[in-house]
Amino acid sequence: MGTEKFLVTKSNHLVEAGYRLSLNEQRLVLTAISKLDGRKPIPRDNDFTITAQEFSSMFNIPIKQAYENLENAASRLYEQDIKTYDGKHKTRERFRWVDGVKYWDGEGKVTLSFSNKIIPYLTLLHTQLTSYDLKQISSLKSSYSIRFYELMIQFKSTGERWIKLDTLKERLELSDRYDRFYNFKIRIIQPAIREINGSTNLIVTWDTVKKGRVITGLKFDIREKKGSIDSSRCPYTLDILDEA
């Protein structure tokens, strides 16, 4: 895809939301978001078409597999929801990602319509935004790697992030799993950070935060690889920083 940028821009509150999508559902959502210009109102028809060809090219998968992945991901995405958290007003809201999916049989493409509830989180109606080039996550093979990348790139300008363990699991929709931190570490955290360090513009290191002998949170140190192009703007906002 050459040097063209495919910018993904989200409200920080959307980055911090709780949801769990498969790898291809994540890829589909982010590809659709990259077609938006966050500086402008959303198109009146609210239709975003993703072709198997561009999906194949962006994520380096065979064209036939790309269309199958697109169709399956679009079908599943229609049933998926998201939970946002407003720490300032202590409110939570739940809504769907999309309110429409159209399949183009024999044409190798799908069209999505974002739900009305999520549109404000994709435009400058929210002033605290995080942006990055979609190609930075195109080689990641885990949906958790993508989530961690977004949670880290948001704080690249400050170089570190502290987050409570319970909050992190809540964001990943894993509150009811991995009671033992060791399992959470080796199955979720370590593979995600390893992928990020190997395939993106970031280098992330991390350590646990303890209260006595109990692990209560995590501290991440974030830096950009030398020679990488700064493709993000990551405002620092105290209202979403979860201090451990």
Protein backbone atom coordinates (compact mmCIF):
# COMPACT_ATOMS: atom_id res chain seq x y z
CA MET A 1 0.00 0.00 0.00
CA GLY A 2 2.99 2.27 -0.47
CA THR A 3 3.51 5.26 1.79
CA GLU A 4 -0.16 6.19 2.05
CA LYS A 5 -1.40 6.56 5.61
CA PHE A 6 -4.62 5.03 6.87
CA LEU A 7 -5.23 7.01 10.02
CA VAL A 8 -7.29 5.50 12.83
CA THR A 9 -8.67 8.20 15.13
CA LYS A 10 -10.65 7.41 18.27
CA SER A 11 -11.84 9.27 21.31
CA ASN A 12 -9.70 8.32 24.30
CA HIS A 13 -12.91 7.19 25.99
CA LEU A 14 -13.39 4.67 23.18
CA VAL A 15 -9.80 3.43 23.56
CA GLU A 16 -10.56 2.98 27.26
CA ALA A 17 -13.89 1.22 26.70
CA GLY A 18 -14.60 -2.37 27.61
CA TYR A 19 -15.05 -4.78 24.72
CA ARG A 20 -13.75 -8.03 23.32
CA LEU A 21 -13.55 -8.52 19.57
CA SER A 22 -11.87 -11.24 17.55
CA LEU A 23 -8.78 -10.37 15.51
CA ASN A 24 -10.74 -10.00 12.27
CA GLU A 25 -13.53 -8.05 13.95
CA GLN A 26 -10.88 -5.64 15.23
CA ARG A 27 -9.32 -5.41 11.78
CA LEU A 28 -12.69 -4.73 10.18
CA VAL A 29 -13.63 -2.00 12.67
CA LEU A 30 -10.27 -0.27 12.39
CA THR A 31 -10.26 -0.42 8.59
CA ALA A 32 -13.70 1.21 8.54
CA ILE A 33 -12.57 3.87 11.04
CA SER A 34 -9.52 4.63 8.89
CA LYS A 35 -11.93 5.70 6.12
CA LEU A 36 -13.22 8.52 8.34
CA ASP A 37 -11.76 12.00 8.56
CA GLY A 38 -12.22 12.87 12.23
CA ARG A 39 -12.00 16.58 11.37
CA LYS A 40 -15.20 16.38 9.32
CA PRO A 41 -18.79 15.30 10.04
CA ILE A 42 -19.50 11.66 9.30
CA PRO A 43 -20.86 11.10 5.76
CA ARG A 44 -24.64 11.42 5.60
CA ASP A 45 -25.17 7.85 4.41
CA ASN A 46 -22.87 6.51 7.17
CA ASP A 47 -21.80 3.67 4.87
CA PHE A 48 -18.23 2.40 4.82
CA THR A 49 -17.31 -0.24 2.27
CA ILE A 50 -14.33 -2.54 2.80
CA THR A 51 -13.21 -4.72 -0.07
CA ALA A 52 -11.53 -8.10 0.17
CA GLN A 53 -8.72 -6.69 -1.96
CA GLU A 54 -7.84 -3.90 0.49
CA PHE A 55 -8.31 -6.26 3.47
CA SER A 56 -5.95 -8.73 1.82
CA SER A 57 -3.38 -6.05 1.05
CA MET A 58 -3.48 -4.36 4.45
CA PHE A 59 -3.22 -7.54 6.52
CA ASN A 60 -1.18 -9.67 4.09
CA ILE A 61 -3.63 -12.54 3.71
CA PRO A 62 -4.80 -14.43 0.57
CA ILE A 63 -7.70 -12.77 -1.26
CA LYS A 64 -10.07 -15.73 -0.82
CA GLN A 65 -9.34 -15.87 2.90
CA ALA A 66 -9.77 -12.10 3.09
CA TYR A 67 -13.34 -12.24 1.80
CA GLU A 68 -14.23 -15.14 4.09
CA ASN A 69 -12.75 -13.26 7.04
CA LEU A 70 -14.62 -10.11 6.05
CA GLU A 71 -17.98 -11.83 5.79
CA ASN A 72 -17.58 -13.73 9.06
CA ALA A 73 -16.29 -10.71 10.94
CA ALA A 74 -19.09 -8.46 9.67
CA SER A 75 -21.72 -11.01 10.66
CA ARG A 76 -20.29 -11.37 14.18
CA LEU A 77 -19.66 -7.65 14.60
CA TYR A 78 -23.36 -6.92 14.19
CA GLU A 79 -23.98 -8.73 17.48
CA GLN A 80 -21.07 -7.18 19.40
CA ASP A 81 -21.39 -4.36 21.89
CA ILE A 82 -19.12 -1.99 23.75
CA LYS A 83 -19.15 -0.50 27.24
CA THR A 84 -17.88 3.02 27.89
CA TYR A 85 -16.91 4.44 31.27
CA ASP A 86 -17.21 8.08 32.26
CA GLY A 87 -15.10 8.35 35.39
CA LYS A 88 -15.94 12.03 35.85
CA HIS A 89 -19.69 11.43 36.09
CA LYS A 90 -19.41 7.80 37.26
CA THR A 91 -21.61 6.51 34.48
CA ARG A 92 -21.42 3.49 32.18
CA GLU A 93 -23.08 3.07 28.83
CA ARG A 94 -23.50 0.05 26.57
CA PHE A 95 -24.22 0.09 22.83
CA ARG A 96 -23.46 -1.67 19.56
CA TRP A 97 -20.59 -0.97 17.20
CA VAL A 98 -22.73 -1.05 14.04
CA ASP A 99 -26.43 -0.87 13.25
CA GLY A 100 -26.18 -2.17 9.70
CA VAL A 101 -24.18 -4.67 7.65
CA LYS A 102 -24.54 -5.21 3.89
CA TYR A 103 -23.01 -8.16 2.03
CA TRP A 104 -22.22 -7.83 -1.67
CA ASP A 105 -22.46 -11.42 -2.91
CA GLY A 106 -19.96 -12.13 -5.64
CA GLU A 107 -18.37 -8.66 -5.39
CA GLY A 108 -15.89 -9.30 -2.60
CA LYS A 109 -16.89 -6.49 -0.25
CA VAL A 110 -19.01 -5.59 2.77
CA THR A 111 -20.51 -2.28 3.88
CA LEU A 112 -20.88 -1.22 7.52
CA SER A 113 -22.93 1.53 9.15
CA PHE A 114 -21.68 2.68 12.55
CA SER A 115 -24.26 2.96 15.31
CA ASN A 116 -25.42 6.47 16.16
CA LYS A 117 -24.08 6.07 19.69
CA ILE A 118 -20.53 5.37 18.58
CA ILE A 119 -20.22 8.10 15.94
CA PRO A 120 -19.37 10.89 18.44
CA TYR A 121 -16.40 8.82 19.62
CA LEU A 122 -14.97 8.82 16.08
CA THR A 123 -15.14 12.56 15.38
CA LEU A 124 -13.98 15.82 16.91
CA LEU A 125 -17.14 15.94 19.00
CA HIS A 126 -14.64 14.44 21.45
CA THR A 127 -11.54 16.63 21.71
CA GLN A 128 -9.31 14.09 23.50
CA LEU A 129 -8.25 11.81 20.68
CA THR A 130 -5.69 9.16 19.88
CA SER A 131 -4.56 8.59 16.29
CA TYR A 132 -2.21 6.13 14.65
CA ASP A 133 -1.47 4.64 11.25
CA LEU A 134 -3.46 1.44 10.68
CA LYS A 135 -0.35 -0.12 9.15
CA GLN A 136 1.30 -0.09 12.58
CA ILE A 137 -1.01 -2.89 13.75
CA SER A 138 -1.45 -4.66 10.40
CA SER A 139 1.06 -7.42 11.30
CA LEU A 140 -0.36 -8.14 14.75
CA LYS A 141 -1.95 -11.59 15.02
CA SER A 142 -3.84 -11.19 18.29
CA SER A 143 -6.79 -8.97 19.14
CA TYR A 144 -5.23 -8.40 22.58
CA SER A 145 -2.05 -7.13 20.92
CA ILE A 146 -4.14 -4.51 19.13
CA ARG A 147 -5.89 -3.50 22.34
CA PHE A 148 -2.60 -3.18 24.21
CA TYR A 149 -1.11 -1.16 21.35
CA GLU A 150 -3.95 1.36 21.58
CA LEU A 151 -3.72 1.50 25.35
CA MET A 152 0.02 2.21 25.04
CA ILE A 153 0.13 4.58 22.03
CA GLN A 154 -2.29 6.82 23.89
CA PHE A 155 0.47 7.58 26.43
CA LYS A 156 3.48 7.65 24.11
CA SER A 157 4.03 11.37 24.68
CA THR A 158 4.40 10.87 28.46
CA GLY A 159 6.43 7.67 28.16
CA GLU A 160 4.64 5.72 30.85
CA ARG A 161 1.29 4.42 31.91
CA TRP A 162 0.01 3.11 35.24
CA ILE A 163 -3.19 1.09 35.33
CA LYS A 164 -4.98 -0.93 37.98
CA LEU A 165 -5.05 -4.66 37.31
CA ASP A 166 -8.82 -4.84 37.78
CA THR A 167 -9.29 -1.91 35.40
CA LEU A 168 -7.14 -3.53 32.71
CA LYS A 169 -9.06 -6.80 32.92
CA GLU A 170 -12.33 -4.87 32.80
CA ARG A 171 -11.24 -3.06 29.63
CA LEU A 172 -10.40 -6.41 28.00
CA GLU A 173 -13.67 -8.02 29.18
CA LEU A 174 -11.67 -10.53 31.22
CA SER A 175 -12.86 -9.66 34.72
CA ASP A 176 -14.23 -13.16 35.24
CA ARG A 177 -11.10 -14.94 33.98
CA TYR A 178 -7.47 -15.44 34.99
CA ASP A 179 -7.81 -15.30 38.76
CA ARG A 180 -4.13 -16.20 38.92
CA PHE A 181 -1.99 -13.33 37.70
CA TYR A 182 0.61 -15.77 36.35
CA ASN A 183 -1.92 -17.12 33.82
CA PHE A 184 -2.98 -13.62 32.81
CA LYS A 185 0.67 -12.68 32.36
CA ILE A 186 1.74 -15.59 30.18
CA ARG A 187 -1.44 -15.85 28.09
CA ILE A 188 -2.40 -12.21 27.59
CA ILE A 189 0.22 -9.64 28.63
CA GLN A 190 3.50 -11.21 27.53
CA PRO A 191 2.35 -12.33 24.05
CA ALA A 192 0.77 -8.93 23.38
CA ILE A 193 3.82 -6.92 24.45
CA ARG A 194 6.13 -9.27 22.54
CA GLU A 195 4.11 -8.72 19.35
CA ILE A 196 4.01 -4.95 19.84
CA ASN A 197 7.78 -4.78 20.33
CA GLY A 198 8.41 -6.96 17.30
CA SER A 199 5.92 -5.54 14.80
CA THR A 200 5.05 -1.91 15.62
CA ASN A 201 6.74 1.45 16.14
CA LEU A 202 6.72 1.02 19.94
CA ILE A 203 8.98 -0.59 22.50
CA VAL A 204 7.09 -1.37 25.70
CA THR A 205 8.47 -2.73 28.97
CA TRP A 206 6.41 -3.35 32.05
CA ASP A 207 6.44 -4.30 35.71
CA THR A 208 3.93 -5.10 38.41
CA VAL A 209 2.77 -2.72 41.13
CA LYS A 210 2.16 -4.33 44.50
CA LYS A 211 0.43 -3.50 47.74
CA GLY A 212 2.24 -5.71 50.17
CA ARG A 213 2.51 -9.02 48.36
CA VAL A 214 -0.63 -8.51 46.27
CA ILE A 215 -0.33 -7.35 42.65
CA THR A 216 -2.69 -4.40 42.27
CA GLY A 217 -1.58 -2.85 39.01
CA LEU A 218 0.90 -2.54 36.19
CA LYS A 219 3.37 0.12 35.10
CA PHE A 220 4.27 0.35 31.42
CA ASP A 221 7.23 2.26 29.99
CA ILE A 222 6.62 3.31 26.39
CA ARG A 223 9.05 4.64 23.82
CA GLU A 224 9.13 4.92 20.07
CA LYS A 225 11.68 2.99 18.04
CA LYS A 226 14.48 5.06 16.57
CA GLY A 227 13.79 6.05 12.99
CA SER A 228 10.05 5.38 13.16
CA ILE A 229 7.69 8.05 11.87
CA ASP A 230 5.44 9.66 14.43
CA SER A 231 2.01 8.75 13.09
CA SER A 232 0.00 9.44 16.22
CA ARG A 233 -1.15 12.25 18.40
CA CYS A 234 -1.67 11.08 21.93
CA PRO A 235 -2.96 13.76 24.31
CA TYR A 236 -2.40 13.17 27.99
CA THR A 237 -5.64 13.36 29.94
CA LEU A 238 -5.85 12.89 33.69
CA ASP A 239 -9.51 11.93 33.61
CA ILE A 240 -8.74 8.57 32.02
CA LEU A 241 -5.45 7.75 33.75
CA ASP A 242 -6.06 4.80 36.07
CA GLU A 243 -3.41 5.11 38.74
CA ALA A 244 -2.52 1.76 40.29
